[in-house]
């Protein structure tokens, strides 16, 4: 890949990341990308902020049940 192709690919990736509201690092290999933990921390912060915005106790319980189900499915 020459420099022009690299720059075009880099710009495209940046545009996609901007459109999705995520850092470019989210697309890169986690093993070589040191900023991946920062992305996870941002997502954790967002989950906590959103959860705290649920004022109905029963709805919070349902969200937790759903999250437990998703986690169990990803482990199984």
Protein backbone atom coordinates (compact mmCIF):
# COMPACT_ATOMS: atom_id res chain seq x y z
CA UNK A 1 0.00 0.00 0.00
CA UNK A 2 1.52 3.32 -0.99
CA UNK A 3 1.25 6.53 1.03
CA UNK A 4 -1.76 7.89 -0.91
CA UNK A 5 -3.69 4.64 -0.43
CA UNK A 6 -2.80 4.59 3.25
CA UNK A 7 -3.99 8.18 3.73
CA UNK A 8 -7.25 7.47 1.89
CA UNK A 9 -7.87 4.39 4.03
CA UNK A 10 -7.01 6.31 7.21
CA UNK A 11 -9.44 9.12 6.33
CA UNK A 12 -12.20 6.62 5.54
CA UNK A 13 -11.68 4.86 8.84
CA UNK A 14 -11.76 8.18 10.70
CA UNK A 15 -15.03 9.13 8.98
CA UNK A 16 -16.63 5.81 9.87
CA UNK A 17 -15.45 6.11 13.48
CA UNK A 18 -16.79 9.67 13.69
CA UNK A 19 -20.15 8.60 12.25
CA UNK A 20 -20.40 5.82 14.84
CA UNK A 21 -19.16 8.03 17.66
CA UNK A 22 -16.28 5.73 18.54
CA UNK A 23 -12.50 6.10 18.40
CA UNK A 24 -10.56 4.64 15.48
CA UNK A 25 -8.87 2.36 18.03
CA UNK A 26 -12.09 0.35 18.25
CA UNK A 27 -11.36 -1.03 14.77
CA UNK A 28 -7.75 -1.96 15.46
CA UNK A 29 -6.29 -5.14 16.88
CA UNK A 30 -6.78 -4.97 20.63
CA UNK A 31 -3.51 -6.75 21.31
CA UNK A 32 -1.49 -4.01 19.63
CA UNK A 33 -3.68 -1.00 20.36
CA UNK A 34 -2.94 0.47 23.80
CA UNK A 35 -6.01 2.70 23.85
CA UNK A 36 -8.53 -0.18 23.86
CA UNK A 37 -8.90 -0.05 27.68
CA UNK A 38 -9.82 3.62 27.31
CA UNK A 39 -12.62 2.67 24.92
CA UNK A 40 -13.91 0.06 27.39
CA UNK A 41 -13.81 2.64 30.18
CA UNK A 42 -15.81 5.09 28.05
CA UNK A 43 -18.42 2.41 27.36
CA UNK A 44 -18.59 1.49 31.04
CA UNK A 45 -19.10 5.15 31.92
CA UNK A 46 -21.90 5.41 29.37
CA UNK A 47 -23.62 2.27 30.67
CA UNK A 48 -23.48 3.58 34.22
CA UNK A 49 -24.76 7.02 33.18
CA UNK A 50 -27.64 5.49 31.23
CA UNK A 51 -28.52 3.08 34.04
CA UNK A 52 -28.59 5.91 36.55
CA UNK A 53 -31.05 7.67 34.26
CA UNK A 54 -33.61 4.88 34.77
CA UNK A 55 -35.73 6.06 37.67
CA UNK A 56 -38.21 3.20 37.73
CA UNK A 57 -36.93 0.44 40.06
CA UNK A 58 -38.77 -2.32 38.20
CA UNK A 59 -37.34 -1.19 34.89
CA UNK A 60 -33.82 -1.17 36.39
CA UNK A 61 -34.38 -4.79 37.49
CA UNK A 62 -35.44 -5.74 33.96
CA UNK A 63 -32.37 -4.06 32.48
CA UNK A 64 -30.14 -5.99 34.88
CA UNK A 65 -31.88 -9.23 33.96
CA UNK A 66 -31.32 -8.48 30.30
CA UNK A 67 -27.64 -7.67 30.85
CA UNK A 68 -27.15 -10.90 32.81
CA UNK A 69 -28.71 -12.84 29.96
CA UNK A 70 -26.43 -11.17 27.41
CA UNK A 71 -23.33 -11.84 29.52
CA UNK A 72 -24.32 -15.48 30.04
CA UNK A 73 -24.87 -15.92 26.29
CA UNK A 74 -21.44 -14.46 25.49
CA UNK A 75 -19.73 -16.79 27.98
CA UNK A 76 -21.56 -19.94 26.92
